[in-house]
Amino acid sequence: MIGADVLVRCLAEEGVEHVFGYPGGAVLYIYDAIYKQDKFKHILVRHEQAAVHAADAYARSTGKVGVAIVTSGPGVTNAVTGLATAYMDSTPMVVISGQVPSSVIGQDAFQECDAVGITRPCVKHNFLVKDVRDLAATVKKAFYIAATGRPGPVLIDVPKDISMHPCAYAYPKEIDMRSYKPIEKGHAGQIRKAVQMLLQAERPMIYAGGGIVLADAAEELNKLVDRLGFPCTNTLMGLGGYRASSDKYVGMLGMHGTYEANMAMQNCDVLLAIGARFDDRVIGNIQHFAAHPRKIIHIDIDPSSISKRVKVEVPIVGGVKEALQEVHAQLDAANIKPNPHALSNWWKQINEWRQLDCLSYETSDKIIKPQYVVQKLWDITKGDAFVCSDVGQHQMWAAQYYPFDKPRRWFNSGGLGTMGVGLPYAMGVQTAFPDATVACITGEGSFQMNIQELATCKQYNLTPKIIMLNNGVLGMVRQWQRLDYESRYSESYVDSLPDFEKLAESYGHVGMRIEKPSDVESALKEAFAMKDKLVLMNFLTDPEENVWPMVKPGKGLSQMLLGSEEL
């Protein structure tokens, strides 16, 4: 076998079913090997960035390792944004990049770039294959590293000559890496301390992040919250980790979180953080957060995330699923319940904060409010859709007004904030679940960044429903310019917008234009009734609408702006 055949067979050994990619000169032997096999299907995207985003969402929706293939030079540099996006959100993924032949590496050959050097800051690990005999073991290592510990993307850079050199095929059944031994089970003694601290708390709070979803630990989390009766908040990446329909759920927290979630986070006395990292968009000003003393228990698979930004009293390094199972076991053994009187008083305070109804907005029968569109989307899909979002105001409205009861139903770029992910994400999810209801919530700015993927959707009969909240402006940029730059709207208006309906139709899809609030519900029903069609719904929404509540940069969680009257 030649190297390309070895690589393709290795992918099949790993159970890969779909690969997203775009061919080029340095990967033609690999694509020839793909042509000759029938173990997995290749999805031809129209831009390498979209290939990596689609593989990202495929991984997030299935829990499997996503796979993408790109060529050398501009192919791999186009893929860097997708790699950085996946790295920030801890998505398990293997990206295979072509490289110029080994003999000309370092000589500025045509379409040469230092893929390993360029991607090093935004991958969990990367490899340059120098000997075809190392290729199979390298693939095994890449999948192992991507999927274990804190997941993340791994790059394999394959010089063209390696892909054509012959070698015997031998794929290792197991891999042992002395330098990489992720801890899976949390320390029982530390978990015992955590349980004691939780049972003694008077104002407890459970704060769950994307690690709950990545570890498939939603069942354990839901059981714990219901058992203890504590308030629970999810981060943007953790939505669906704890069901939003529960009265114990206080909403998303952070910059655009609910008033009750942020106030409970700020004023609790014991905080259980699970699979979260206390990032700046979650806790705001770190000095303000620390000014209210609380004891923190932090469970995370990544030891570098613990005590990185806040002081932690009880660190627990290990898989969150296994750690929560041990918490339940120790609660069973202790047979003690939290202080009911203190908990009742705490809930009384939280419910007073809830009375503020911070997500209420002014309705209109003349102009479409974006929040209303998202709420109607939830009604029509019965809250059971796979929802992919681009980045901007529409992303926050989706997070606020589409409550999730299940994990792996919400896909967005949380850490990097990458515009243009929405449509490729929808492609990845629809590829994994062809018969599922997939919605892509986007804006007219974000959508144009990967609009060419409408062609990919047509080729492979991918039929997500696109909900474009079109306010004719880069909404989040405009909101910040209004707040912090005295309404100097520098380059935030998008002139010369295309006719999105006709553009969708030119790709062979269905386009709809909705201008009246009274037409929103019927348009959504009509679109979702077309099961075998991609439908782009262009909702012309209020350009003056802002995302509230908001914690401005540099402010604390309890220093929230609650609406336009605060301007």
Protein backbone atom coordinates (compact mmCIF):
# COMPACT_ATOMS: atom_id res chain seq x y z
CA MET A 1 0.00 0.00 0.00
CA ILE A 2 1.07 3.59 -0.50
CA GLY A 3 0.77 6.19 2.22
CA ALA A 4 -2.52 7.59 0.91
CA ASP A 5 -4.13 4.13 1.03
CA VAL A 6 -2.78 3.63 4.54
CA LEU A 7 -4.26 6.95 5.67
CA VAL A 8 -7.69 6.25 4.21
CA ARG A 9 -7.76 2.74 5.68
CA CYS A 10 -6.80 4.17 9.09
CA LEU A 11 -9.76 6.53 8.94
CA ALA A 12 -12.02 3.57 8.22
CA GLU A 13 -10.50 1.68 11.17
CA GLU A 14 -11.47 4.61 13.41
CA GLY A 15 -15.09 4.25 12.30
CA VAL A 16 -15.13 7.51 10.35
CA GLU A 17 -18.36 7.82 8.33
CA HIS A 18 -18.06 11.34 6.90
CA VAL A 19 -15.13 13.52 5.91
CA PHE A 20 -15.39 17.17 4.88
CA GLY A 21 -12.79 18.59 2.56
CA TYR A 22 -11.50 20.29 -0.55
CA PRO A 23 -8.85 18.78 -2.85
CA GLY A 24 -5.60 20.31 -4.10
CA GLY A 25 -2.28 19.25 -5.53
CA ALA A 26 -0.65 18.11 -2.28
CA VAL A 27 -3.53 15.77 -1.36
CA LEU A 28 -4.36 14.25 -4.77
CA TYR A 29 -2.98 10.82 -3.83
CA ILE A 30 -5.21 10.92 -0.75
CA TYR A 31 -8.23 11.89 -2.83
CA ASP A 32 -7.43 9.11 -5.29
CA ALA A 33 -7.46 6.67 -2.37
CA ILE A 34 -10.79 8.12 -1.20
CA TYR A 35 -12.21 7.54 -4.68
CA LYS A 36 -11.30 3.83 -4.48
CA GLN A 37 -12.91 3.15 -1.07
CA ASP A 38 -16.49 2.83 0.15
CA LYS A 39 -16.13 2.96 3.94
CA PHE A 40 -16.89 6.66 4.40
CA LYS A 41 -18.46 9.49 2.44
CA HIS A 42 -16.64 12.66 1.47
CA ILE A 43 -18.50 15.99 1.51
CA LEU A 44 -17.02 18.51 -0.93
CA VAL A 45 -17.32 21.99 0.55
CA ARG A 46 -16.67 25.25 -1.32
CA HIS A 47 -14.11 26.70 1.13
CA GLU A 48 -11.70 25.01 3.53
CA GLN A 49 -12.91 27.06 6.48
CA ALA A 50 -16.37 25.58 5.97
CA ALA A 51 -14.91 22.06 5.89
CA VAL A 52 -13.46 22.47 9.38
CA HIS A 53 -16.59 24.18 10.75
CA ALA A 54 -18.78 21.39 9.35
CA ALA A 55 -16.53 18.73 10.88
CA ASP A 56 -16.68 20.69 14.15
CA ALA A 57 -20.49 20.62 14.31
CA TYR A 58 -20.53 16.99 13.17
CA ALA A 59 -18.37 16.19 16.19
CA ARG A 60 -20.42 18.31 18.60
CA SER A 61 -23.69 16.74 17.52
CA THR A 62 -22.53 13.11 17.52
CA GLY A 63 -19.81 13.03 20.17
CA LYS A 64 -17.49 11.46 17.59
CA VAL A 65 -14.24 12.89 16.22
CA GLY A 66 -14.87 15.15 13.22
CA VAL A 67 -12.55 14.84 10.21
CA ALA A 68 -11.55 17.34 7.52
CA ILE A 69 -8.99 17.24 4.70
CA VAL A 70 -7.36 20.30 3.13
CA THR A 71 -4.44 20.87 0.81
CA SER A 72 -1.17 22.68 1.49
CA GLY A 73 -0.52 26.43 1.56
CA PRO A 74 -3.76 28.40 1.22
CA GLY A 75 -5.75 25.25 1.93
CA VAL A 76 -4.39 24.87 5.44
CA THR A 77 -4.28 28.62 6.12
CA ASN A 78 -7.98 28.82 5.18
CA ALA A 79 -8.55 26.06 7.74
CA VAL A 80 -6.87 27.92 10.62
CA THR A 81 -9.99 29.86 11.63
CA GLY A 82 -11.92 26.60 11.89
CA LEU A 83 -9.13 25.05 13.96
CA ALA A 84 -9.03 28.03 16.33
CA THR A 85 -12.82 27.92 16.67
CA ALA A 86 -12.76 24.23 17.57
CA TYR A 87 -9.81 24.70 19.92
CA MET A 88 -11.53 27.43 21.93
CA ASP A 89 -14.67 25.31 22.29
CA SER A 90 -12.82 22.00 22.92
CA THR A 91 -14.17 20.08 19.93
CA PRO A 92 -12.60 16.67 19.13
CA MET A 93 -11.40 16.83 15.54
CA VAL A 94 -8.64 15.57 13.24
CA VAL A 95 -7.65 17.76 10.30
CA ILE A 96 -5.38 16.27 7.63
CA SER A 97 -3.43 18.82 5.62
CA GLY A 98 -1.32 18.20 2.56
CA GLN A 99 2.25 19.45 2.46
CA VAL A 100 4.80 19.93 -0.31
CA PRO A 101 7.23 17.02 -0.84
CA SER A 102 9.72 16.50 1.98
CA SER A 103 12.68 17.28 -0.26
CA VAL A 104 11.55 20.87 -0.85
CA ILE A 105 10.22 21.77 2.60
CA GLY A 106 11.87 25.02 3.64
CA GLN A 107 12.64 26.10 0.07
CA ASP A 108 9.55 28.26 -0.50
CA ALA A 109 8.08 25.71 -2.86
CA PHE A 110 4.77 26.40 -4.59
CA GLN A 111 1.93 26.38 -2.02
CA GLU A 112 4.30 25.72 0.87
CA CYS A 113 3.72 27.05 4.37
CA ASP A 114 4.76 25.97 7.83
CA ALA A 115 1.48 24.31 8.77
CA VAL A 116 2.84 22.96 12.05
CA GLY A 117 4.19 26.36 13.11
CA ILE A 118 1.10 28.28 12.02
CA THR A 119 -1.37 25.98 13.76
CA ARG A 120 0.60 25.26 16.93
CA PRO A 121 -1.18 27.94 19.05
CA CYS A 122 -4.67 26.82 18.02
CA VAL A 123 -4.58 23.01 18.13
CA LYS A 124 -4.33 20.53 20.96
CA HIS A 125 -1.41 18.90 19.11
CA ASN A 126 -0.03 18.62 15.60
CA PHE A 127 2.21 16.25 13.64
CA LEU A 128 4.42 16.47 10.57
CA VAL A 129 4.76 12.96 9.15
CA LYS A 130 8.36 12.40 8.05
CA ASP A 131 8.28 8.65 7.38
CA VAL A 132 5.44 6.73 5.79
CA ARG A 133 6.01 3.92 8.29
CA ASP A 134 4.92 6.32 11.06
CA LEU A 135 1.70 7.32 9.36
CA ALA A 136 -0.66 4.71 10.85
CA ALA A 137 0.60 5.24 14.40
CA THR A 138 0.32 9.00 13.92
CA VAL A 139 -3.33 8.71 12.91
CA LYS A 140 -4.01 6.52 15.96
CA LYS A 141 -2.32 9.06 18.22
CA ALA A 142 -4.23 11.95 16.64
CA PHE A 143 -7.65 10.39 17.26
CA TYR A 144 -6.68 9.42 20.80
CA ILE A 145 -5.42 12.91 21.67
CA ALA A 146 -8.43 14.62 20.05
CA ALA A 147 -11.03 12.58 21.93
CA THR A 148 -9.53 12.11 25.41
CA GLY A 149 -8.92 14.49 28.29
CA ARG A 150 -10.10 17.94 27.35
CA PRO A 151 -11.02 17.36 23.69
CA GLY A 152 -9.59 19.47 20.90
CA PRO A 153 -8.47 19.57 17.26
CA VAL A 154 -5.32 17.76 16.09
CA LEU A 155 -3.57 18.46 12.78
CA ILE A 156 -1.68 15.86 10.74
CA ASP A 157 0.53 17.44 8.05
CA VAL A 158 1.31 14.90 5.30
CA PRO A 159 3.98 15.73 2.67
CA LYS A 160 2.99 14.64 -0.80
CA ASP A 161 5.84 12.14 -1.13
CA ILE A 162 4.75 10.44 2.10
CA SER A 163 1.31 9.90 0.59
CA MET A 164 2.86 8.08 -2.43
CA HIS A 165 5.59 6.02 -0.70
CA PRO A 166 4.83 2.30 -0.28
CA CYS A 167 4.77 0.55 3.09
CA ALA A 168 3.20 -2.40 4.87
CA TYR A 169 -0.11 -1.69 6.58
CA ALA A 170 -0.30 -2.18 10.35
CA TYR A 171 -2.77 -0.15 12.39
CA PRO A 172 -2.14 -0.27 16.17
CA LYS A 173 -5.10 -1.48 18.22
CA GLU A 174 -4.04 0.60 21.23
CA ILE A 175 -1.77 3.54 21.83
CA ASP A 176 0.38 4.36 24.83
CA MET A 177 1.92 7.81 25.13
CA ARG A 178 4.16 8.40 28.14
CA SER A 179 3.87 12.16 27.79
CA TYR A 180 0.06 12.19 27.64
CA LYS A 181 -1.89 10.57 30.46
CA PRO A 182 -5.16 12.45 31.07
CA ILE A 183 -6.72 11.94 34.49
CA GLU A 184 -10.19 10.44 34.19
CA LYS A 185 -11.27 9.87 37.77
CA GLY A 186 -11.47 12.67 40.33
CA HIS A 187 -9.91 12.28 43.78
CA ALA A 188 -12.43 10.65 46.13
CA GLY A 189 -11.20 12.66 49.12
CA GLN A 190 -11.67 15.94 47.29
CA ILE A 191 -15.15 14.89 46.19
CA ARG A 192 -15.97 14.07 49.83
CA LYS A 193 -14.92 17.59 50.84
CA ALA A 194 -17.06 19.02 48.04
CA VAL A 195 -20.14 17.07 49.14
CA GLN A 196 -19.73 18.24 52.74
CA MET A 197 -19.35 21.84 51.60
CA LEU A 198 -22.46 21.62 49.40
CA LEU A 199 -24.58 20.15 52.17
CA GLN A 200 -23.55 22.94 54.55
CA ALA A 201 -24.20 25.74 52.08
CA GLU A 202 -26.85 28.36 52.78
CA ARG A 203 -26.77 30.02 49.35
CA PRO A 204 -25.56 27.29 46.96
CA MET A 205 -25.20 27.64 43.20
CA ILE A 206 -24.39 25.18 40.42
CA TYR A 207 -22.60 26.62 37.39
CA ALA A 208 -22.29 24.21 34.43
CA GLY A 209 -20.34 24.81 31.24
CA GLY A 210 -19.68 23.11 27.94
CA GLY A 211 -17.76 20.32 29.67
CA ILE A 212 -21.09 18.84 30.76
CA VAL A 213 -22.12 18.48 27.12
CA LEU A 214 -18.73 17.23 25.91
CA ALA A 215 -18.64 14.57 28.62
CA ASP A 216 -22.23 13.43 28.04
CA ALA A 217 -22.87 14.19 31.71
CA ALA A 218 -26.25 15.93 31.37
CA GLU A 219 -28.07 13.03 33.00
CA GLU A 220 -25.84 13.17 36.07
CA LEU A 221 -26.17 16.97 36.28
CA ASN A 222 -29.97 16.92 36.00
CA LYS A 223 -30.16 14.25 38.68
CA LEU A 224 -27.88 16.26 41.00
CA VAL A 225 -29.78 19.55 40.65
CA ASP A 226 -33.13 17.83 41.13
CA ARG A 227 -31.81 15.91 44.12
CA LEU A 228 -30.32 18.88 45.95
CA GLY A 229 -32.86 21.50 44.86
CA PHE A 230 -30.11 24.03 44.14
CA PRO A 231 -30.33 26.76 41.49
CA CYS A 232 -28.45 25.95 38.30
CA THR A 233 -27.13 28.13 35.50
CA ASN A 234 -25.61 27.12 32.18
CA THR A 235 -23.00 28.99 30.18
CA LEU A 236 -23.49 29.79 26.50
CA MET A 237 -21.61 26.59 25.63
CA GLY A 238 -23.45 24.58 28.27
CA LEU A 239 -27.02 25.29 27.15
CA GLY A 240 -29.07 22.10 27.31
CA GLY A 241 -26.72 20.59 29.89
CA TYR A 242 -29.42 21.23 32.47
CA ARG A 243 -32.97 21.39 31.13
CA ALA A 244 -34.30 24.92 30.71
CA SER A 245 -37.87 23.87 31.52
CA SER A 246 -37.02 23.18 35.17
CA ASP A 247 -37.92 25.74 37.83
CA LYS A 248 -34.41 25.16 39.25
CA TYR A 249 -32.92 26.65 36.07
CA VAL A 250 -32.21 30.36 36.46
CA GLY A 251 -31.14 30.94 32.86
CA MET A 252 -27.86 31.55 31.13
CA LEU A 253 -25.36 33.72 33.00
CA GLY A 254 -22.73 36.20 31.90
CA MET A 255 -22.55 39.26 29.67
CA HIS A 256 -26.03 38.69 28.24
CA GLY A 257 -27.31 36.34 30.92
CA THR A 258 -30.40 36.74 33.06
CA TYR A 259 -30.54 39.07 36.04
CA GLU A 260 -31.39 36.22 38.40
CA ALA A 261 -28.52 34.01 37.18
CA ASN A 262 -25.93 36.76 37.51
CA MET A 263 -27.18 37.93 40.89
CA ALA A 264 -27.27 34.38 42.25
CA MET A 265 -23.77 33.76 40.89
CA GLN A 266 -22.50 36.93 42.53
CA ASN A 267 -24.18 36.37 45.92
CA CYS A 268 -23.90 32.62 46.51
CA ASP A 269 -21.78 31.30 49.39
CA VAL A 270 -20.83 27.94 47.82
CA LEU A 271 -20.35 27.61 44.06
CA LEU A 272 -20.05 24.27 42.28
CA ALA A 273 -18.42 24.86 38.88
CA ILE A 274 -18.56 21.90 36.50
CA GLY A 275 -16.81 21.82 33.13
CA ALA A 276 -16.54 25.61 32.99
CA ARG A 277 -13.61 28.03 33.01
CA PHE A 278 -14.73 31.33 34.57
CA ASP A 279 -13.99 33.25 31.38
CA ASP A 280 -14.38 37.01 31.07
CA ARG A 281 -17.79 36.84 29.37
CA VAL A 282 -19.13 34.75 32.28
CA ILE A 283 -17.96 36.47 35.47
CA GLY A 284 -17.22 39.99 34.19
CA ASN A 285 -14.77 42.03 36.21
CA ILE A 286 -12.69 39.55 38.17
CA GLN A 287 -12.00 41.92 41.09
CA HIS A 288 -15.71 42.68 41.42
CA PHE A 289 -16.49 38.94 41.36
CA ALA A 290 -13.87 38.23 44.04
CA ALA A 291 -15.18 41.05 46.26
CA HIS A 292 -18.09 38.81 47.29
CA PRO A 293 -16.48 35.91 49.18
CA ARG A 294 -17.67 32.44 48.30
CA LYS A 295 -16.23 28.94 48.48
CA ILE A 296 -15.64 27.43 45.05
CA ILE A 297 -15.60 23.76 44.08
CA HIS A 298 -14.29 23.26 40.56
CA ILE A 299 -14.57 20.00 38.61
CA ASP A 300 -12.72 19.92 35.28
CA ILE A 301 -10.77 17.45 33.16
CA ASP A 302 -8.18 20.13 32.40
CA PRO A 303 -6.01 20.95 35.44
CA SER A 304 -4.79 24.18 33.79
CA SER A 305 -8.35 25.57 33.91
CA ILE A 306 -8.60 25.25 37.70
CA SER A 307 -7.55 28.31 39.73
CA LYS A 308 -6.57 29.98 36.47
CA ARG A 309 -8.79 33.04 36.99
CA VAL A 310 -10.37 32.57 40.42
CA LYS A 311 -9.24 31.03 43.70
CA VAL A 312 -10.66 27.54 44.17
CA GLU A 313 -11.07 25.89 47.60
CA VAL A 314 -11.76 22.37 46.37
CA PRO A 315 -10.17 21.47 43.01
CA ILE A 316 -11.26 18.19 41.45
CA VAL A 317 -9.34 17.12 38.33
CA GLY A 318 -11.07 14.44 36.31
CA GLY A 319 -13.89 13.63 33.95
CA VAL A 320 -17.03 15.48 34.99
CA LYS A 321 -19.28 12.49 34.31
CA GLU A 322 -17.22 10.20 36.54
CA ALA A 323 -16.90 12.92 39.21
CA LEU A 324 -20.65 13.53 39.31
CA GLN A 325 -21.29 9.80 39.58
CA GLU A 326 -18.99 9.74 42.62
CA VAL A 327 -20.83 12.77 44.08
CA HIS A 328 -24.08 10.82 43.82
CA ALA A 329 -22.47 7.78 45.44
CA GLN A 330 -21.25 9.85 48.38
CA LEU A 331 -24.62 11.58 48.75
CA ASP A 332 -26.20 8.12 48.92
CA ALA A 333 -23.74 7.08 51.61
CA ALA A 334 -24.13 10.29 53.65
CA ASN A 335 -27.92 10.22 53.52
CA ILE A 336 -27.99 13.91 54.50
CA LYS A 337 -30.02 16.63 52.83
CA PRO A 338 -29.26 20.36 52.48
CA ASN A 339 -30.54 22.83 55.08
CA PRO A 340 -34.20 23.27 54.00
CA HIS A 341 -34.73 26.58 55.85
CA ALA A 342 -31.65 28.24 54.37
CA LEU A 343 -32.45 26.90 50.91
CA SER A 344 -36.02 28.20 51.15
CA ASN A 345 -34.76 31.70 52.01
CA TRP A 346 -32.26 31.56 49.15
CA TRP A 347 -34.97 30.62 46.66
CA LYS A 348 -37.16 33.43 48.01
CA GLN A 349 -34.40 35.89 47.14
CA ILE A 350 -33.83 34.34 43.69
CA ASN A 351 -37.54 34.48 42.90
CA GLU A 352 -37.56 38.18 43.83
CA TRP A 353 -34.81 38.71 41.25
CA ARG A 354 -36.85 36.70 38.76
CA GLN A 355 -39.76 39.11 39.16
CA LEU A 356 -37.77 41.68 37.22
CA ASP A 357 -38.50 39.65 34.06
CA CYS A 358 -35.28 40.83 32.45
CA LEU A 359 -35.98 39.16 29.09
CA SER A 360 -39.21 41.04 28.44
CA TYR A 361 -39.16 43.27 25.37
CA GLU A 362 -41.45 45.76 23.70
CA THR A 363 -43.59 43.98 21.13
CA SER A 364 -44.75 45.56 17.88
CA ASP A 365 -47.38 44.87 15.24
CA LYS A 366 -45.55 47.06 12.72
CA ILE A 367 -41.96 45.86 12.72
CA ILE A 368 -40.57 42.38 13.35
CA LYS A 369 -38.81 41.96 16.67
CA PRO A 370 -35.98 39.40 16.43
CA GLN A 371 -36.81 37.92 19.84
CA TYR A 372 -40.32 37.17 18.61
CA VAL A 373 -38.97 35.21 15.63
CA VAL A 374 -36.86 33.01 17.91
CA GLN A 375 -39.78 32.41 20.26
CA LYS A 376 -42.01 31.38 17.34
CA LEU A 377 -39.24 29.11 16.08
CA TRP A 378 -39.29 27.36 19.45
CA ASP A 379 -43.08 27.01 19.30
CA ILE A 380 -43.11 25.54 15.80
CA THR A 381 -40.20 23.13 16.36
CA LYS A 382 -41.58 22.25 19.81
CA GLY A 383 -38.18 23.11 21.26
CA ASP A 384 -36.68 19.99 19.74
CA ALA A 385 -34.63 21.32 16.80
CA PHE A 386 -30.90 21.26 16.32
CA VAL A 387 -30.14 24.99 16.39
CA CYS A 388 -26.99 26.34 14.77
CA SER A 389 -26.11 29.98 15.21
CA ASP A 390 -23.75 32.47 13.66
CA VAL A 391 -22.17 35.18 15.83
CA GLY A 392 -23.72 38.50 16.80
CA GLN A 393 -26.93 39.79 18.29
CA HIS A 394 -28.90 36.94 16.73
CA GLN A 395 -26.64 34.46 18.57
CA MET A 396 -27.54 36.00 21.92
CA TRP A 397 -31.24 36.17 21.11
CA ALA A 398 -31.15 32.50 20.14
CA ALA A 399 -29.47 31.63 23.44
CA GLN A 400 -31.95 33.72 25.43
CA TYR A 401 -35.25 32.87 23.74
CA TYR A 402 -34.85 29.26 22.54
CA PRO A 403 -34.73 27.24 25.79
CA PHE A 404 -32.96 23.88 25.42
CA ASP A 405 -33.92 20.77 27.37
CA LYS A 406 -31.39 18.46 25.74
CA PRO A 407 -27.63 18.60 25.24
CA ARG A 408 -25.98 18.59 21.80
CA ARG A 409 -28.82 20.64 20.31
CA TRP A 410 -27.11 24.05 20.35
CA PHE A 411 -24.13 24.88 18.13
CA ASN A 412 -22.33 28.20 18.16
CA SER A 413 -18.85 29.65 18.34
CA GLY A 414 -18.58 30.60 22.00
CA GLY A 415 -14.88 31.07 22.63
CA LEU A 416 -13.61 32.56 19.39
CA GLY A 417 -16.84 34.22 18.26
CA THR A 418 -16.42 33.29 14.60
CA MET A 419 -18.82 34.89 12.14
CA GLY A 420 -19.72 32.56 9.29
CA VAL A 421 -20.02 29.31 11.25
CA GLY A 422 -23.81 29.02 11.08
CA LEU A 423 -24.35 27.45 7.65
CA PRO A 424 -21.33 25.07 7.83
CA TYR A 425 -22.46 24.03 11.32
CA ALA A 426 -25.91 23.27 9.95
CA MET A 427 -24.30 21.22 7.16
CA GLY A 428 -22.31 19.18 9.67
CA VAL A 429 -25.34 18.49 11.86
CA GLN A 430 -27.60 17.66 8.91
CA THR A 431 -24.95 15.28 7.55
CA ALA A 432 -24.91 13.45 10.88
CA PHE A 433 -28.72 13.47 11.24
CA PRO A 434 -30.27 13.62 7.74
CA ASP A 435 -33.87 13.39 8.96
CA ALA A 436 -33.57 15.83 11.87
CA THR A 437 -35.00 19.34 12.06
CA VAL A 438 -32.02 21.68 11.72
CA ALA A 439 -32.35 25.46 12.04
CA CYS A 440 -29.63 28.00 11.28
CA ILE A 441 -30.14 31.36 12.99
CA THR A 442 -28.00 33.97 11.29
CA GLY A 443 -27.64 37.63 10.40
CA GLU A 444 -27.12 39.24 7.02
CA GLY A 445 -23.50 40.00 7.96
CA SER A 446 -22.46 36.57 9.24
CA PHE A 447 -24.31 34.68 6.52
CA GLN A 448 -22.32 36.25 3.71
CA MET A 449 -19.04 34.98 5.16
CA ASN A 450 -19.73 31.39 4.07
CA ILE A 451 -22.66 31.91 1.72
CA GLN A 452 -20.97 29.79 -0.97
CA GLU A 453 -21.86 26.68 1.04
CA LEU A 454 -25.39 26.92 -0.33
CA ALA A 455 -23.86 25.04 -3.26
CA THR A 456 -22.65 22.25 -0.96
CA CYS A 457 -26.12 21.97 0.54
CA LYS A 458 -27.61 21.60 -2.95
CA GLN A 459 -25.10 18.96 -4.03
CA TYR A 460 -25.70 16.74 -0.99
CA ASN A 461 -29.39 17.53 -0.46
CA LEU A 462 -28.81 19.12 2.93
CA THR A 463 -31.99 20.92 3.95
CA PRO A 464 -31.53 23.13 7.03
CA LYS A 465 -33.96 25.99 7.48
CA ILE A 466 -32.17 29.34 7.59
CA ILE A 467 -33.68 32.02 9.82
CA MET A 468 -31.98 35.28 8.84
CA LEU A 469 -32.62 38.10 11.31
CA ASN A 470 -31.82 40.86 8.85
CA ASN A 471 -31.54 44.27 10.50
CA GLY A 472 -29.38 45.72 7.73
CA VAL A 473 -26.53 46.44 10.14
CA LEU A 474 -23.69 44.71 11.96
CA GLY A 475 -25.90 44.63 15.02
CA MET A 476 -23.53 43.87 17.88
CA VAL A 477 -20.96 46.32 16.49
CA ARG A 478 -23.66 48.98 16.26
CA GLN A 479 -24.85 48.26 19.82
CA TRP A 480 -21.35 48.68 21.22
CA GLN A 481 -20.78 51.82 19.14
CA ARG A 482 -23.98 53.25 20.56
CA LEU A 483 -22.97 52.41 24.12
CA ASP A 484 -19.27 53.23 24.13
CA TYR A 485 -18.55 55.41 21.10
CA GLU A 486 -21.26 58.06 21.32
CA SER A 487 -23.21 56.56 18.42
CA ARG A 488 -20.39 57.00 15.91
CA TYR A 489 -21.37 54.16 13.62
CA SER A 490 -18.05 53.61 11.89
CA GLU A 491 -18.44 50.99 9.13
CA SER A 492 -21.18 49.11 10.95
CA TYR A 493 -23.84 49.57 8.27
CA VAL A 494 -23.95 47.02 5.51
CA ASP A 495 -24.87 48.78 2.28
CA SER A 496 -25.51 46.99 -1.02
CA LEU A 497 -27.06 43.89 0.50
CA PRO A 498 -28.04 41.27 -2.06
CA ASP A 499 -31.54 40.02 -2.73
CA PHE A 500 -31.16 37.03 -0.42
CA GLU A 501 -34.30 35.30 -1.67
CA LYS A 502 -33.16 35.35 -5.30
CA LEU A 503 -29.65 34.39 -4.26
CA ALA A 504 -31.00 31.31 -2.49
CA GLU A 505 -33.09 30.49 -5.54
CA SER A 506 -30.05 30.80 -7.80
CA TYR A 507 -28.45 27.95 -5.84
CA GLY A 508 -31.58 25.86 -6.30
CA HIS A 509 -33.15 26.54 -2.90
CA VAL A 510 -36.28 28.32 -1.67
CA GLY A 511 -36.17 31.98 -0.64
CA MET A 512 -38.76 33.84 1.41
CA ARG A 513 -39.01 37.49 2.48
CA ILE A 514 -40.96 38.33 5.63
CA GLU A 515 -41.63 41.97 6.51
CA LYS A 516 -44.66 41.92 8.85
CA PRO A 517 -44.92 40.50 12.39
CA SER A 518 -48.25 38.94 11.43
CA ASP A 519 -46.51 36.81 8.78
CA VAL A 520 -43.75 35.38 11.00
CA GLU A 521 -45.55 32.31 12.29
CA SER A 522 -47.09 31.31 8.95
CA ALA A 523 -43.75 31.72 7.16
CA LEU A 524 -41.98 29.47 9.66
CA LYS A 525 -44.71 26.83 9.39
CA GLU A 526 -44.54 26.92 5.60
CA ALA A 527 -40.76 26.61 5.58
CA PHE A 528 -40.55 23.73 8.03
CA ALA A 529 -43.28 21.89 6.15
CA MET A 530 -40.88 21.70 3.17
CA LYS A 531 -38.89 18.77 4.55
CA ASP A 532 -36.88 18.18 1.39
CA LYS A 533 -35.91 21.82 0.74
CA LEU A 534 -33.37 24.27 2.11
CA VAL A 535 -35.40 27.39 2.84
CA LEU A 536 -33.85 30.80 3.48
CA MET A 537 -36.24 33.03 5.42
CA ASN A 538 -35.20 36.68 5.24
CA PHE A 539 -36.88 38.35 8.24
CA LEU A 540 -36.57 42.14 8.07
CA THR A 541 -36.17 43.01 11.75
CA ASP A 542 -35.98 46.15 13.87
CA PRO A 543 -32.52 47.72 13.30
CA GLU A 544 -32.70 49.57 16.64
CA GLU A 545 -33.23 46.50 18.80
CA ASN A 546 -30.45 45.75 21.32
CA VAL A 547 -29.53 42.67 23.34
CA TRP A 548 -30.45 43.09 26.99
CA PRO A 549 -29.46 42.49 29.74
CA MET A 550 -25.80 43.39 29.26
CA VAL A 551 -22.74 43.50 31.48
CA LYS A 552 -20.36 45.95 29.86
CA PRO A 553 -16.66 45.04 29.71
CA GLY A 554 -14.92 45.94 32.95
CA LYS A 555 -18.14 45.78 34.96
CA GLY A 556 -19.27 43.19 37.51
CA LEU A 557 -22.11 40.71 37.25
CA SER A 558 -24.40 42.80 39.46
CA GLN A 559 -23.69 45.95 37.41
CA MET A 560 -26.00 45.05 34.55
CA LEU A 561 -27.66 47.27 31.99
CA LEU A 562 -31.24 46.11 31.78
CA GLY A 563 -32.61 48.02 28.81
CA SER A 564 -32.53 51.08 26.61
CA GLU A 565 -33.53 53.29 29.53
CA GLU A 566 -30.02 52.66 30.90
CA LEU A 567 -28.30 54.33 27.94
